[in-house]
Amino acid sequence: MTTEQNTGNLTAESIEQALLSFLETRTKASVSPTQELFASGLVSSMFAMELVVHLEQNYGIAIVGSDLKTDNFRTVRMMTELVLRLRGASSAVGDA
């Protein structure tokens, strides 16, 4: 986990870049933020579960219930939005 992730100063850009790097390392292919990962064959259902674990562990979120739908994992941009939304929700809950 980076210092940025530890302090909670995450930006959409930093999350997106980290996810692109992770995916490119794991798939050995170039990935764009809006590339359809399932349609392109880069991500299988098994690898999607690895993505869930990766996001949960690296960003301190829990992806459960309706958030586990495929739409949230179709592109790097969608995963970035999911992380930001869930981190915002967890901050709001923690502040209450």
C-alpha atoms as a PDB file:
ATOM      1  CA  MET A   1       0.000   0.000   0.000  1.00  0.00           C
ATOM      2  CA  THR A   2       1.364   3.415  -0.884  1.00  0.00           C
ATOM      3  CA  THR A   3       1.591   6.361   1.455  1.00  0.00           C
ATOM      4  CA  GLU A   4      -1.090   8.036  -0.621  1.00  0.00           C
ATOM      5  CA  GLN A   5      -3.438   5.121   0.028  1.00  0.00           C
ATOM      6  CA  ASN A   6      -2.600   5.126   3.735  1.00  0.00           C
ATOM      7  CA  THR A   7      -3.433   8.805   4.152  1.00  0.00           C
ATOM      8  CA  GLY A   8      -6.656   8.598   2.220  1.00  0.00           C
ATOM      9  CA  ASN A   9      -5.566  11.256  -0.307  1.00  0.00           C
ATOM     10  CA  LEU A  10      -6.604   9.178  -3.267  1.00  0.00           C
ATOM     11  CA  THR A  11      -7.538  10.774  -6.533  1.00  0.00           C
ATOM     12  CA  ALA A  12      -9.305   9.227  -9.481  1.00  0.00           C
ATOM     13  CA  GLU A  13      -6.087   9.618 -11.445  1.00  0.00           C
ATOM     14  CA  SER A  14      -3.910   7.833  -8.870  1.00  0.00           C
ATOM     15  CA  ILE A  15      -6.367   4.949  -8.530  1.00  0.00           C
ATOM     16  CA  GLU A  16      -6.706   4.653 -12.295  1.00  0.00           C
ATOM     17  CA  GLN A  17      -2.936   4.612 -12.805  1.00  0.00           C
ATOM     18  CA  ALA A  18      -2.453   1.986 -10.091  1.00  0.00           C
ATOM     19  CA  LEU A  19      -5.177  -0.217 -11.594  1.00  0.00           C
ATOM     20  CA  LEU A  20      -3.744   0.145 -15.094  1.00  0.00           C
ATOM     21  CA  SER A  21      -0.326  -0.853 -13.795  1.00  0.00           C
ATOM     22  CA  PHE A  22      -1.761  -3.847 -11.913  1.00  0.00           C
ATOM     23  CA  LEU A  23      -3.732  -5.040 -14.942  1.00  0.00           C
ATOM     24  CA  GLU A  24      -0.870  -4.546 -17.376  1.00  0.00           C
ATOM     25  CA  THR A  25       1.475  -6.476 -15.091  1.00  0.00           C
ATOM     26  CA  ARG A  26      -0.996  -9.336 -14.629  1.00  0.00           C
ATOM     27  CA  THR A  27      -2.242  -9.567 -18.233  1.00  0.00           C
ATOM     28  CA  LYS A  28       0.988  -8.607 -20.025  1.00  0.00           C
ATOM     29  CA  ALA A  29      -1.137  -6.377 -22.267  1.00  0.00           C
ATOM     30  CA  SER A  30      -1.620  -2.648 -22.659  1.00  0.00           C
ATOM     31  CA  VAL A  31      -4.897  -1.487 -21.110  1.00  0.00           C
ATOM     32  CA  SER A  32      -6.732   1.818 -21.490  1.00  0.00           C
ATOM     33  CA  PRO A  33      -9.007   3.302 -18.810  1.00  0.00           C
ATOM     34  CA  THR A  34     -12.139   2.783 -20.910  1.00  0.00           C
ATOM     35  CA  GLN A  35     -11.273  -0.575 -22.460  1.00  0.00           C
ATOM     36  CA  GLU A  36     -13.964  -3.225 -21.976  1.00  0.00           C
ATOM     37  CA  LEU A  37     -11.993  -5.781 -19.977  1.00  0.00           C
ATOM     38  CA  PHE A  38     -14.416  -8.709 -20.250  1.00  0.00           C
ATOM     39  CA  ALA A  39     -15.353  -8.126 -23.901  1.00  0.00           C
ATOM     40  CA  SER A  40     -11.678  -7.895 -24.856  1.00  0.00           C
ATOM     41  CA  GLY A  41     -10.943 -11.197 -23.125  1.00  0.00           C
ATOM     42  CA  LEU A  42      -8.390  -9.693 -20.736  1.00  0.00           C
ATOM     43  CA  VAL A  43     -10.474 -10.492 -17.662  1.00  0.00           C
ATOM     44  CA  SER A  44     -12.228 -13.766 -16.883  1.00  0.00           C
ATOM     45  CA  SER A  45     -14.682 -14.386 -14.071  1.00  0.00           C
ATOM     46  CA  MET A  46     -11.866 -15.970 -12.051  1.00  0.00           C
ATOM     47  CA  PHE A  47      -9.614 -12.954 -12.547  1.00  0.00           C
ATOM     48  CA  ALA A  48     -12.543 -10.699 -11.633  1.00  0.00           C
ATOM     49  CA  MET A  49     -12.517 -12.261  -8.170  1.00  0.00           C
ATOM     50  CA  GLU A  50      -8.823 -11.448  -7.913  1.00  0.00           C
ATOM     51  CA  LEU A  51      -9.674  -7.859  -8.837  1.00  0.00           C
ATOM     52  CA  VAL A  52     -12.238  -7.723  -6.023  1.00  0.00           C
ATOM     53  CA  VAL A  53      -9.645  -8.896  -3.501  1.00  0.00           C
ATOM     54  CA  HIS A  54      -7.044  -6.497  -4.919  1.00  0.00           C
ATOM     55  CA  LEU A  55      -9.381  -3.510  -4.618  1.00  0.00           C
ATOM     56  CA  GLU A  56     -10.508  -4.452  -1.117  1.00  0.00           C
ATOM     57  CA  GLN A  57      -6.980  -4.965   0.189  1.00  0.00           C
ATOM     58  CA  ASN A  58      -5.383  -1.968  -1.484  1.00  0.00           C
ATOM     59  CA  TYR A  59      -8.111   0.589  -0.884  1.00  0.00           C
ATOM     60  CA  GLY A  60      -9.616  -0.515   2.418  1.00  0.00           C
ATOM     61  CA  ILE A  61     -13.088  -1.138   1.034  1.00  0.00           C
ATOM     62  CA  ALA A  62     -15.588  -3.986   1.178  1.00  0.00           C
ATOM     63  CA  ILE A  63     -17.260  -4.910  -2.088  1.00  0.00           C
ATOM     64  CA  VAL A  64     -20.459  -6.767  -1.253  1.00  0.00           C
ATOM     65  CA  GLY A  65     -24.009  -7.234  -2.456  1.00  0.00           C
ATOM     66  CA  SER A  66     -25.053  -5.140  -5.414  1.00  0.00           C
ATOM     67  CA  ASP A  67     -21.535  -3.699  -5.751  1.00  0.00           C
ATOM     68  CA  LEU A  68     -20.319  -7.108  -6.955  1.00  0.00           C
ATOM     69  CA  LYS A  69     -22.103  -6.707 -10.287  1.00  0.00           C
ATOM     70  CA  THR A  70     -20.031  -7.053 -13.450  1.00  0.00           C
ATOM     71  CA  ASP A  71     -20.765  -3.479 -14.538  1.00  0.00           C
ATOM     72  CA  ASN A  72     -18.509  -2.166 -11.756  1.00  0.00           C
ATOM     73  CA  PHE A  73     -15.561  -4.105 -13.203  1.00  0.00           C
ATOM     74  CA  ARG A  74     -16.022  -3.639 -16.963  1.00  0.00           C
ATOM     75  CA  THR A  75     -13.374  -0.926 -17.251  1.00  0.00           C
ATOM     76  CA  VAL A  76     -10.617   0.588 -15.147  1.00  0.00           C
ATOM     77  CA  ARG A  77     -12.614   3.803 -15.031  1.00  0.00           C
ATOM     78  CA  MET A  78     -15.658   1.972 -13.606  1.00  0.00           C
ATOM     79  CA  MET A  79     -13.491   0.296 -10.953  1.00  0.00           C
ATOM     80  CA  THR A  80     -12.003   3.681 -10.073  1.00  0.00           C
ATOM     81  CA  GLU A  81     -15.489   5.136  -9.617  1.00  0.00           C
ATOM     82  CA  LEU A  82     -16.436   2.158  -7.435  1.00  0.00           C
ATOM     83  CA  VAL A  83     -13.399   2.651  -5.182  1.00  0.00           C
ATOM     84  CA  LEU A  84     -14.061   6.369  -4.802  1.00  0.00           C
ATOM     85  CA  ARG A  85     -17.745   5.793  -4.069  1.00  0.00           C
ATOM     86  CA  LEU A  86     -17.086   3.082  -1.487  1.00  0.00           C
ATOM     87  CA  ARG A  87     -14.302   5.043   0.193  1.00  0.00           C
ATOM     88  CA  GLY A  88     -16.629   8.021   0.386  1.00  0.00           C
ATOM     89  CA  ALA A  89     -19.350   5.845   1.887  1.00  0.00           C
ATOM     90  CA  SER A  90     -16.972   4.366   4.458  1.00  0.00           C
ATOM     91  CA  SER A  91     -15.736   7.852   5.387  1.00  0.00           C
ATOM     92  CA  ALA A  92     -19.290   9.065   5.788  1.00  0.00           C
ATOM     93  CA  VAL A  93     -20.146   6.098   7.999  1.00  0.00           C
ATOM     94  CA  GLY A  94     -16.995   6.614  10.065  1.00  0.00           C
ATOM     95  CA  ASP A  95     -17.772  10.305  10.526  1.00  0.00           C
ATOM     96  CA  ALA A  96     -21.334   9.731  11.698  1.00  0.00           C
END
